[in-house]
């Protein structure tokens, strides 16, 4: 499982010219699930997302002090199979490591459920699984971190 985590001051996702989700302060996540991923990977990275300390303290001064729960932040999670692309050979990406749709959806839903349990259902939003989406965000910092359940 791979996640690109971006600290944001705002983020939204648009499908068919309609904004379907938007958040203020928090994370926008791009989430890729591989053919090798299990529930253990989902649990490991959902826990990591919820507990990673990349926010400043209450005075807004010292970074790396608080996690998303501490700052009452929000999460916008977007499923993105293209994170599993292999580009070593040729010029066409190879997506064979991306999990098949129905299995990926089950694991992705478990990931969202874990985040909602830890942060609150109203604090976690997502895109539309399998849809063409336009993602908009304002990256703070900029802080962008890549999480990989196998590393």
C-alpha atoms as a PDB file:
ATOM      1  CA  UNK A   1       0.000   0.000   0.000  1.00  0.00           C
ATOM      2  CA  UNK A   2       1.303   3.419  -0.910  1.00  0.00           C
ATOM      3  CA  UNK A   3       0.045   6.786   0.244  1.00  0.00           C
ATOM      4  CA  UNK A   4       1.076  10.267  -0.800  1.00  0.00           C
ATOM      5  CA  UNK A   5       0.160  12.436   2.191  1.00  0.00           C
ATOM      6  CA  UNK A   6       0.004  16.197   1.739  1.00  0.00           C
ATOM      7  CA  UNK A   7      -0.597  18.671   4.548  1.00  0.00           C
ATOM      8  CA  UNK A   8      -3.213  21.126   3.251  1.00  0.00           C
ATOM      9  CA  UNK A   9      -5.040  24.291   4.236  1.00  0.00           C
ATOM     10  CA  UNK A  10      -7.846  23.222   1.870  1.00  0.00           C
ATOM     11  CA  UNK A  11      -8.580  20.443  -0.602  1.00  0.00           C
ATOM     12  CA  UNK A  12     -11.480  19.324  -2.766  1.00  0.00           C
ATOM     13  CA  UNK A  13     -12.361  16.778  -5.415  1.00  0.00           C
ATOM     14  CA  UNK A  14     -14.582  17.340  -8.455  1.00  0.00           C
ATOM     15  CA  UNK A  15     -16.356  14.646 -10.500  1.00  0.00           C
ATOM     16  CA  UNK A  16     -18.353  15.575 -13.622  1.00  0.00           C
ATOM     17  CA  UNK A  17     -18.041  19.308 -12.820  1.00  0.00           C
ATOM     18  CA  UNK A  18     -19.519  18.774  -9.325  1.00  0.00           C
ATOM     19  CA  UNK A  19     -17.559  19.238  -6.096  1.00  0.00           C
ATOM     20  CA  UNK A  20     -18.266  16.038  -4.204  1.00  0.00           C
ATOM     21  CA  UNK A  21     -15.954  16.552  -1.192  1.00  0.00           C
ATOM     22  CA  UNK A  22     -13.977  19.354   0.389  1.00  0.00           C
ATOM     23  CA  UNK A  23     -11.997  19.924   3.562  1.00  0.00           C
ATOM     24  CA  UNK A  24     -10.145  22.699   5.338  1.00  0.00           C
ATOM     25  CA  UNK A  25      -7.011  22.098   7.470  1.00  0.00           C
ATOM     26  CA  UNK A  26      -5.688  18.564   7.351  1.00  0.00           C
ATOM     27  CA  UNK A  27      -4.451  15.991   4.839  1.00  0.00           C
ATOM     28  CA  UNK A  28      -5.185  15.108   1.283  1.00  0.00           C
ATOM     29  CA  UNK A  29      -4.245  11.472   0.722  1.00  0.00           C
ATOM     30  CA  UNK A  30      -3.638   9.684  -2.573  1.00  0.00           C
ATOM     31  CA  UNK A  31      -4.021   5.976  -1.810  1.00  0.00           C
ATOM     32  CA  UNK A  32      -2.796   3.074  -3.929  1.00  0.00           C
ATOM     33  CA  UNK A  33      -3.524  -0.545  -3.012  1.00  0.00           C
ATOM     34  CA  UNK A  34      -1.353  -3.301  -4.481  1.00  0.00           C
ATOM     35  CA  UNK A  35      -1.980  -6.958  -5.222  1.00  0.00           C
ATOM     36  CA  UNK A  36       0.209  -7.817  -2.200  1.00  0.00           C
ATOM     37  CA  UNK A  37      -1.705  -5.720   0.341  1.00  0.00           C
ATOM     38  CA  UNK A  38      -3.696  -7.220   3.187  1.00  0.00           C
ATOM     39  CA  UNK A  39      -5.753  -5.975   6.114  1.00  0.00           C
ATOM     40  CA  UNK A  40      -2.493  -5.704   8.028  1.00  0.00           C
ATOM     41  CA  UNK A  41      -1.174  -3.134   5.525  1.00  0.00           C
ATOM     42  CA  UNK A  42      -4.426  -1.172   5.763  1.00  0.00           C
ATOM     43  CA  UNK A  43      -4.301  -1.134   9.563  1.00  0.00           C
ATOM     44  CA  UNK A  44      -0.615  -0.194   9.618  1.00  0.00           C
ATOM     45  CA  UNK A  45      -0.964   2.821   7.327  1.00  0.00           C
ATOM     46  CA  UNK A  46      -4.296   4.073   8.691  1.00  0.00           C
ATOM     47  CA  UNK A  47      -2.670   4.102  12.140  1.00  0.00           C
ATOM     48  CA  UNK A  48       0.388   5.890  10.727  1.00  0.00           C
ATOM     49  CA  UNK A  49      -1.776   8.574   9.065  1.00  0.00           C
ATOM     50  CA  UNK A  50      -3.700   9.222  12.272  1.00  0.00           C
ATOM     51  CA  UNK A  51      -0.623   9.434  14.499  1.00  0.00           C
ATOM     52  CA  UNK A  52       2.013  11.095  12.300  1.00  0.00           C
ATOM     53  CA  UNK A  53       3.117  14.348  13.969  1.00  0.00           C
ATOM     54  CA  UNK A  54       3.534  17.016  11.297  1.00  0.00           C
ATOM     55  CA  UNK A  55       1.543  19.884  12.806  1.00  0.00           C
ATOM     56  CA  UNK A  56       2.951  22.712  14.883  1.00  0.00           C
ATOM     57  CA  UNK A  57       2.171  23.125  18.584  1.00  0.00           C
ATOM     58  CA  UNK A  58      -0.797  25.105  19.911  1.00  0.00           C
ATOM     59  CA  UNK A  59       1.235  28.357  19.687  1.00  0.00           C
ATOM     60  CA  UNK A  60       1.905  27.730  15.999  1.00  0.00           C
ATOM     61  CA  UNK A  61       5.638  27.647  16.599  1.00  0.00           C
ATOM     62  CA  UNK A  62       7.266  24.247  17.016  1.00  0.00           C
ATOM     63  CA  UNK A  63       6.691  21.838  14.156  1.00  0.00           C
ATOM     64  CA  UNK A  64       6.426  18.061  14.432  1.00  0.00           C
ATOM     65  CA  UNK A  65       4.511  18.253  17.744  1.00  0.00           C
ATOM     66  CA  UNK A  66       0.889  17.329  16.971  1.00  0.00           C
ATOM     67  CA  UNK A  67      -0.991  14.803  14.869  1.00  0.00           C
ATOM     68  CA  UNK A  68      -4.201  15.282  12.893  1.00  0.00           C
ATOM     69  CA  UNK A  69      -6.354  14.292  15.887  1.00  0.00           C
ATOM     70  CA  UNK A  70      -4.634  16.851  18.131  1.00  0.00           C
ATOM     71  CA  UNK A  71      -5.418  19.726  15.743  1.00  0.00           C
ATOM     72  CA  UNK A  72      -8.988  18.581  14.991  1.00  0.00           C
ATOM     73  CA  UNK A  73      -8.034  18.275  11.312  1.00  0.00           C
ATOM     74  CA  UNK A  74      -9.817  16.679   8.385  1.00  0.00           C
ATOM     75  CA  UNK A  75      -8.837  14.119   5.752  1.00  0.00           C
ATOM     76  CA  UNK A  76      -9.731  13.959   2.073  1.00  0.00           C
ATOM     77  CA  UNK A  77      -8.736  10.513   0.788  1.00  0.00           C
ATOM     78  CA  UNK A  78      -8.572   9.716  -2.931  1.00  0.00           C
ATOM     79  CA  UNK A  79      -8.125   6.180  -4.301  1.00  0.00           C
ATOM     80  CA  UNK A  80      -5.385   6.182  -6.922  1.00  0.00           C
ATOM     81  CA  UNK A  81      -4.259   2.937  -8.528  1.00  0.00           C
ATOM     82  CA  UNK A  82      -1.684   4.800 -10.636  1.00  0.00           C
ATOM     83  CA  UNK A  83       0.608   5.021  -7.582  1.00  0.00           C
ATOM     84  CA  UNK A  84       1.444   1.375  -8.272  1.00  0.00           C
ATOM     85  CA  UNK A  85       2.679   2.043 -11.819  1.00  0.00           C
ATOM     86  CA  UNK A  86       5.947   0.457 -12.857  1.00  0.00           C
ATOM     87  CA  UNK A  87       7.890   2.506 -15.396  1.00  0.00           C
ATOM     88  CA  UNK A  88      11.202   0.653 -15.589  1.00  0.00           C
ATOM     89  CA  UNK A  89      10.671  -0.678 -19.120  1.00  0.00           C
ATOM     90  CA  UNK A  90       9.429   1.244 -22.127  1.00  0.00           C
ATOM     91  CA  UNK A  91       7.237   4.324 -22.105  1.00  0.00           C
ATOM     92  CA  UNK A  92       3.876   2.856 -21.124  1.00  0.00           C
ATOM     93  CA  UNK A  93       3.175   2.478 -17.374  1.00  0.00           C
ATOM     94  CA  UNK A  94       2.528  -1.066 -16.166  1.00  0.00           C
ATOM     95  CA  UNK A  95      -0.326  -1.276 -13.634  1.00  0.00           C
ATOM     96  CA  UNK A  96      -0.214  -5.038 -12.935  1.00  0.00           C
ATOM     97  CA  UNK A  97       0.755  -4.411  -9.296  1.00  0.00           C
ATOM     98  CA  UNK A  98      -2.470  -2.450  -8.670  1.00  0.00           C
ATOM     99  CA  UNK A  99      -5.147  -4.516  -6.922  1.00  0.00           C
ATOM    100  CA  UNK A 100      -8.227  -5.521  -8.945  1.00  0.00           C
ATOM    101  CA  UNK A 101     -11.236  -3.206  -8.561  1.00  0.00           C
ATOM    102  CA  UNK A 102     -13.573  -5.120  -6.255  1.00  0.00           C
ATOM    103  CA  UNK A 103     -10.805  -6.233  -3.889  1.00  0.00           C
ATOM    104  CA  UNK A 104      -9.189  -2.788  -3.911  1.00  0.00           C
ATOM    105  CA  UNK A 105     -12.577  -1.235  -3.081  1.00  0.00           C
ATOM    106  CA  UNK A 106     -13.044  -3.543  -0.079  1.00  0.00           C
ATOM    107  CA  UNK A 107      -9.584  -2.720   1.274  1.00  0.00           C
ATOM    108  CA  UNK A 108      -9.988   0.990   0.533  1.00  0.00           C
ATOM    109  CA  UNK A 109     -13.339   1.048   2.367  1.00  0.00           C
ATOM    110  CA  UNK A 110     -11.647  -0.601   5.361  1.00  0.00           C
ATOM    111  CA  UNK A 111      -8.969   2.099   5.248  1.00  0.00           C
ATOM    112  CA  UNK A 112     -11.645   4.833   5.286  1.00  0.00           C
ATOM    113  CA  UNK A 113     -13.463   3.069   8.119  1.00  0.00           C
ATOM    114  CA  UNK A 114     -10.250   2.961  10.186  1.00  0.00           C
ATOM    115  CA  UNK A 115      -9.675   6.676   9.610  1.00  0.00           C
ATOM    116  CA  UNK A 116     -13.280   7.470  10.561  1.00  0.00           C
ATOM    117  CA  UNK A 117     -13.006   5.442  13.767  1.00  0.00           C
ATOM    118  CA  UNK A 118      -9.878   7.348  14.760  1.00  0.00           C
ATOM    119  CA  UNK A 119     -10.846  10.848  13.665  1.00  0.00           C
ATOM    120  CA  UNK A 120     -14.633  10.890  13.436  1.00  0.00           C
ATOM    121  CA  UNK A 121     -16.921  10.074  10.532  1.00  0.00           C
ATOM    122  CA  UNK A 122     -17.589  13.749   9.789  1.00  0.00           C
ATOM    123  CA  UNK A 123     -13.832  14.468   9.526  1.00  0.00           C
ATOM    124  CA  UNK A 124     -13.030  11.967   6.748  1.00  0.00           C
ATOM    125  CA  UNK A 125     -14.178  12.437   3.172  1.00  0.00           C
ATOM    126  CA  UNK A 126     -13.260  10.726  -0.061  1.00  0.00           C
ATOM    127  CA  UNK A 127     -13.561  10.914  -3.804  1.00  0.00           C
ATOM    128  CA  UNK A 128     -15.486   8.531  -6.032  1.00  0.00           C
ATOM    129  CA  UNK A 129     -13.799   5.164  -6.374  1.00  0.00           C
ATOM    130  CA  UNK A 130     -12.913   4.435 -10.000  1.00  0.00           C
ATOM    131  CA  UNK A 131     -14.062   7.821 -11.337  1.00  0.00           C
ATOM    132  CA  UNK A 132     -12.080  10.418 -13.243  1.00  0.00           C
ATOM    133  CA  UNK A 133     -11.515  13.093 -10.603  1.00  0.00           C
ATOM    134  CA  UNK A 134     -10.056  16.589 -10.519  1.00  0.00           C
ATOM    135  CA  UNK A 135      -8.260  17.206  -7.240  1.00  0.00           C
ATOM    136  CA  UNK A 136      -7.572  20.703  -5.928  1.00  0.00           C
ATOM    137  CA  UNK A 137      -5.430  21.528  -2.924  1.00  0.00           C
ATOM    138  CA  UNK A 138      -3.311  24.125  -1.229  1.00  0.00           C
ATOM    139  CA  UNK A 139      -0.258  22.324   0.113  1.00  0.00           C
ATOM    140  CA  UNK A 140       1.069  23.837   3.349  1.00  0.00           C
ATOM    141  CA  UNK A 141       4.800  23.898   3.956  1.00  0.00           C
ATOM    142  CA  UNK A 142       4.966  22.339   1.410  1.00  0.00           C
ATOM    143  CA  UNK A 143       4.816  19.099   3.352  1.00  0.00           C
ATOM    144  CA  UNK A 144       4.451  15.946   1.260  1.00  0.00           C
ATOM    145  CA  UNK A 145       5.296  12.518   2.667  1.00  0.00           C
ATOM    146  CA  UNK A 146       5.233   9.139   0.940  1.00  0.00           C
ATOM    147  CA  UNK A 147       4.115   6.211   3.099  1.00  0.00           C
ATOM    148  CA  UNK A 148       4.669   2.620   2.009  1.00  0.00           C
ATOM    149  CA  UNK A 149       3.411  -0.312   4.080  1.00  0.00           C
ATOM    150  CA  UNK A 150       6.278  -2.485   2.824  1.00  0.00           C
ATOM    151  CA  UNK A 151       9.006  -0.091   4.015  1.00  0.00           C
END
